[in-house]
Amino acid sequence: MLRITRFAKDGTTWLRLEGKLMGPWVEHVRTTVDQETARCNCIHFDLSELTFVDAAGLLLLRELSSCGHDLSLRSNFVTELLRAEIHP
């Protein structure tokens, strides 16, 4: 299960993701991000409460980062996932 909470802080748009970023939730997050980027260019993410990320979720996080979204508020777990090399 994944909870997505949208909030504004200091004039910026934030999405807080809590729970497991996996399976059908990955596309749900992608759709939510597409809707939010219609309003603003950069979204800030609070990933500090993600407890699990599958391969598709990790790919999405990497895509979000490469598109310029702010993923700096995250747990050590997510930090290590994003730092790890992708091996076949």
N, C-alpha and C. Protein backbone atom coordinates (compact mmCIF):
# COMPACT_ATOMS: atom_id res chain seq x y z
N MET A 1 0.84 -1.17 0.00
CA MET A 1 0.00 0.00 0.00
C MET A 1 0.88 1.24 0.00
N LEU A 2 0.42 2.26 -0.70
CA LEU A 2 1.16 3.51 -0.79
C LEU A 2 0.22 4.67 -0.53
N ARG A 3 0.66 5.59 0.30
CA ARG A 3 -0.10 6.82 0.55
C ARG A 3 0.67 7.96 -0.11
N ILE A 4 -0.04 8.77 -0.88
CA ILE A 4 0.53 9.96 -1.51
C ILE A 4 -0.18 11.18 -0.93
N THR A 5 0.60 12.08 -0.37
CA THR A 5 0.03 13.30 0.20
C THR A 5 0.66 14.49 -0.52
N ARG A 6 -0.19 15.35 -1.06
CA ARG A 6 0.28 16.57 -1.72
C ARG A 6 0.15 17.71 -0.72
N PHE A 7 1.21 18.54 -0.63
CA PHE A 7 1.13 19.73 0.22
C PHE A 7 2.07 20.80 -0.33
N ALA A 8 1.80 22.02 0.06
CA ALA A 8 2.65 23.15 -0.35
C ALA A 8 3.43 23.63 0.87
N LYS A 9 4.67 23.98 0.63
CA LYS A 9 5.53 24.47 1.70
C LYS A 9 6.44 25.54 1.11
N ASP A 10 6.37 26.73 1.66
CA ASP A 10 7.19 27.86 1.19
C ASP A 10 7.04 28.08 -0.31
N GLY A 11 5.82 27.94 -0.81
CA GLY A 11 5.56 28.18 -2.22
C GLY A 11 5.98 27.08 -3.17
N THR A 12 6.37 25.93 -2.63
CA THR A 12 6.75 24.81 -3.47
C THR A 12 5.77 23.66 -3.30
N THR A 13 5.68 22.83 -4.32
CA THR A 13 4.79 21.67 -4.29
C THR A 13 5.57 20.46 -3.81
N TRP A 14 4.99 19.76 -2.86
CA TRP A 14 5.59 18.56 -2.29
C TRP A 14 4.65 17.37 -2.47
N LEU A 15 5.26 16.21 -2.69
CA LEU A 15 4.53 14.95 -2.63
C LEU A 15 5.23 14.07 -1.62
N ARG A 16 4.49 13.63 -0.61
CA ARG A 16 5.04 12.70 0.39
C ARG A 16 4.56 11.30 0.03
N LEU A 17 5.51 10.38 -0.12
CA LEU A 17 5.19 8.99 -0.42
C LEU A 17 5.47 8.16 0.83
N GLU A 18 4.46 7.42 1.28
CA GLU A 18 4.59 6.61 2.48
C GLU A 18 4.17 5.18 2.17
N GLY A 19 5.00 4.21 2.55
CA GLY A 19 4.66 2.81 2.35
C GLY A 19 5.53 2.16 1.31
N LYS A 20 4.89 1.42 0.40
CA LYS A 20 5.61 0.61 -0.58
C LYS A 20 5.39 1.14 -1.99
N LEU A 21 6.49 1.51 -2.64
CA LEU A 21 6.45 1.96 -4.03
C LEU A 21 6.72 0.75 -4.91
N MET A 22 5.64 0.13 -5.36
CA MET A 22 5.77 -1.12 -6.11
C MET A 22 4.53 -1.35 -6.96
N GLY A 23 4.65 -2.25 -7.91
CA GLY A 23 3.52 -2.70 -8.72
C GLY A 23 2.68 -1.57 -9.27
N PRO A 24 1.36 -1.64 -9.07
CA PRO A 24 0.46 -0.65 -9.66
C PRO A 24 0.64 0.75 -9.08
N TRP A 25 1.25 0.87 -7.93
CA TRP A 25 1.45 2.18 -7.31
C TRP A 25 2.45 3.01 -8.09
N VAL A 26 3.36 2.35 -8.80
CA VAL A 26 4.36 3.08 -9.58
C VAL A 26 3.67 3.93 -10.65
N GLU A 27 2.75 3.34 -11.38
CA GLU A 27 2.03 4.09 -12.41
C GLU A 27 1.13 5.16 -11.80
N HIS A 28 0.60 4.89 -10.64
CA HIS A 28 -0.23 5.89 -9.95
C HIS A 28 0.62 7.11 -9.60
N VAL A 29 1.83 6.87 -9.11
CA VAL A 29 2.74 7.98 -8.80
C VAL A 29 3.09 8.73 -10.08
N ARG A 30 3.38 8.01 -11.14
CA ARG A 30 3.72 8.64 -12.42
C ARG A 30 2.58 9.55 -12.89
N THR A 31 1.34 9.07 -12.80
CA THR A 31 0.18 9.86 -13.20
C THR A 31 0.04 11.10 -12.32
N THR A 32 0.23 10.93 -11.03
CA THR A 32 0.15 12.06 -10.10
C THR A 32 1.21 13.10 -10.42
N VAL A 33 2.43 12.65 -10.70
CA VAL A 33 3.51 13.57 -11.04
C VAL A 33 3.19 14.31 -12.34
N ASP A 34 2.67 13.61 -13.33
CA ASP A 34 2.29 14.25 -14.59
C ASP A 34 1.25 15.34 -14.35
N GLN A 35 0.28 15.08 -13.49
CA GLN A 35 -0.74 16.08 -13.18
C GLN A 35 -0.14 17.28 -12.46
N GLU A 36 0.77 17.03 -11.54
CA GLU A 36 1.38 18.12 -10.77
C GLU A 36 2.34 18.95 -11.62
N THR A 37 3.05 18.33 -12.54
CA THR A 37 4.00 19.09 -13.36
C THR A 37 3.27 19.98 -14.36
N ALA A 38 1.99 19.75 -14.58
CA ALA A 38 1.20 20.67 -15.41
C ALA A 38 1.06 22.01 -14.70
N ARG A 39 1.18 22.01 -13.36
CA ARG A 39 1.05 23.23 -12.57
C ARG A 39 2.39 23.87 -12.23
N CYS A 40 3.42 23.04 -12.09
CA CYS A 40 4.74 23.56 -11.73
C CYS A 40 5.81 22.65 -12.34
N ASN A 41 6.99 23.20 -12.52
CA ASN A 41 8.06 22.44 -13.18
C ASN A 41 8.77 21.46 -12.26
N CYS A 42 8.96 21.85 -11.02
CA CYS A 42 9.75 21.03 -10.10
C CYS A 42 8.90 20.63 -8.90
N ILE A 43 8.89 19.35 -8.63
CA ILE A 43 8.20 18.83 -7.45
C ILE A 43 9.25 18.37 -6.45
N HIS A 44 8.99 18.65 -5.20
CA HIS A 44 9.86 18.19 -4.12
C HIS A 44 9.19 16.95 -3.51
N PHE A 45 9.99 15.93 -3.25
CA PHE A 45 9.46 14.67 -2.72
C PHE A 45 9.97 14.43 -1.32
N ASP A 46 9.07 13.98 -0.46
CA ASP A 46 9.44 13.48 0.86
C ASP A 46 9.34 11.96 0.77
N LEU A 47 10.49 11.31 0.72
CA LEU A 47 10.56 9.85 0.59
C LEU A 47 11.02 9.20 1.89
N SER A 48 10.95 9.94 2.98
CA SER A 48 11.49 9.45 4.26
C SER A 48 10.68 8.31 4.86
N GLU A 49 9.45 8.11 4.39
CA GLU A 49 8.60 7.04 4.93
C GLU A 49 8.36 5.90 3.95
N LEU A 50 9.17 5.82 2.90
CA LEU A 50 9.07 4.65 2.01
C LEU A 50 9.74 3.46 2.70
N THR A 51 9.03 2.34 2.76
CA THR A 51 9.57 1.16 3.42
C THR A 51 10.02 0.09 2.45
N PHE A 52 9.59 0.20 1.18
CA PHE A 52 9.98 -0.78 0.17
C PHE A 52 9.88 -0.12 -1.20
N VAL A 53 10.82 -0.45 -2.08
CA VAL A 53 10.81 0.03 -3.46
C VAL A 53 11.21 -1.14 -4.35
N ASP A 54 10.33 -1.52 -5.30
CA ASP A 54 10.70 -2.59 -6.22
C ASP A 54 11.47 -2.00 -7.41
N ALA A 55 11.84 -2.85 -8.37
CA ALA A 55 12.66 -2.41 -9.50
C ALA A 55 11.98 -1.31 -10.31
N ALA A 56 10.67 -1.44 -10.54
CA ALA A 56 9.94 -0.42 -11.29
C ALA A 56 9.88 0.89 -10.51
N GLY A 57 9.74 0.79 -9.21
CA GLY A 57 9.73 1.99 -8.37
C GLY A 57 11.07 2.69 -8.38
N LEU A 58 12.15 1.91 -8.34
CA LEU A 58 13.48 2.48 -8.39
C LEU A 58 13.72 3.19 -9.72
N LEU A 59 13.28 2.56 -10.80
CA LEU A 59 13.41 3.18 -12.12
C LEU A 59 12.66 4.52 -12.15
N LEU A 60 11.47 4.56 -11.59
CA LEU A 60 10.70 5.80 -11.53
C LEU A 60 11.45 6.87 -10.73
N LEU A 61 12.00 6.51 -9.58
CA LEU A 61 12.73 7.48 -8.77
C LEU A 61 13.93 8.03 -9.53
N ARG A 62 14.63 7.17 -10.25
CA ARG A 62 15.77 7.62 -11.05
C ARG A 62 15.31 8.57 -12.16
N GLU A 63 14.18 8.26 -12.79
CA GLU A 63 13.63 9.13 -13.84
C GLU A 63 13.24 10.49 -13.26
N LEU A 64 12.59 10.48 -12.11
CA LEU A 64 12.19 11.73 -11.48
C LEU A 64 13.40 12.60 -11.17
N SER A 65 14.44 11.97 -10.66
CA SER A 65 15.66 12.69 -10.34
C SER A 65 16.30 13.28 -11.60
N SER A 66 16.34 12.49 -12.67
CA SER A 66 16.97 12.97 -13.91
C SER A 66 16.16 14.08 -14.57
N CYS A 67 14.86 14.17 -14.26
CA CYS A 67 14.01 15.24 -14.79
C CYS A 67 14.09 16.52 -13.96
N GLY A 68 14.88 16.49 -12.89
CA GLY A 68 15.09 17.68 -12.09
C GLY A 68 14.22 17.82 -10.86
N HIS A 69 13.44 16.80 -10.55
CA HIS A 69 12.63 16.86 -9.33
C HIS A 69 13.54 16.64 -8.12
N ASP A 70 13.16 17.22 -7.00
CA ASP A 70 13.98 17.17 -5.78
C ASP A 70 13.63 15.94 -4.95
N LEU A 71 14.59 15.02 -4.84
CA LEU A 71 14.41 13.80 -4.04
C LEU A 71 15.32 13.82 -2.82
N SER A 72 15.71 15.00 -2.38
CA SER A 72 16.72 15.07 -1.32
C SER A 72 16.21 14.69 0.07
N LEU A 73 14.91 14.76 0.31
CA LEU A 73 14.36 14.36 1.61
C LEU A 73 13.97 12.89 1.52
N ARG A 74 14.86 12.03 2.01
CA ARG A 74 14.65 10.58 1.87
C ARG A 74 15.33 9.84 3.00
N SER A 75 14.90 8.60 3.17
CA SER A 75 15.49 7.75 4.20
C SER A 75 16.84 7.22 3.73
N ASN A 76 17.60 6.66 4.66
CA ASN A 76 18.88 6.03 4.29
C ASN A 76 18.63 4.88 3.33
N PHE A 77 17.53 4.16 3.51
CA PHE A 77 17.16 3.05 2.63
C PHE A 77 17.05 3.52 1.19
N VAL A 78 16.31 4.59 0.95
CA VAL A 78 16.12 5.11 -0.41
C VAL A 78 17.43 5.68 -0.94
N THR A 79 18.18 6.33 -0.09
CA THR A 79 19.48 6.87 -0.50
C THR A 79 20.38 5.77 -1.03
N GLU A 80 20.45 4.65 -0.32
CA GLU A 80 21.30 3.54 -0.75
C GLU A 80 20.78 2.90 -2.04
N LEU A 81 19.47 2.80 -2.19
CA LEU A 81 18.92 2.26 -3.44
C LEU A 81 19.32 3.14 -4.63
N LEU A 82 19.21 4.44 -4.46
CA LEU A 82 19.53 5.34 -5.56
C LEU A 82 21.03 5.39 -5.84
N ARG A 83 21.83 5.11 -4.84
CA ARG A 83 23.27 5.13 -5.01
C ARG A 83 23.79 3.86 -5.68
N ALA A 84 23.10 2.75 -5.50
CA ALA A 84 23.57 1.45 -6.01
C ALA A 84 23.62 1.44 -7.53
N GLU A 85 24.61 0.77 -8.04
CA GLU A 85 24.74 0.58 -9.49
C GLU A 85 23.69 -0.41 -9.96
N ILE A 86 23.26 -0.25 -11.19
CA ILE A 86 22.32 -1.21 -11.78
C ILE A 86 23.14 -2.29 -12.48
N HIS A 87 22.95 -3.53 -12.04
CA HIS A 87 23.67 -4.67 -12.63
C HIS A 87 22.65 -5.61 -13.27
N PRO A 88 22.97 -6.11 -14.43
CA PRO A 88 22.03 -7.07 -15.08
C PRO A 88 21.93 -8.37 -14.34
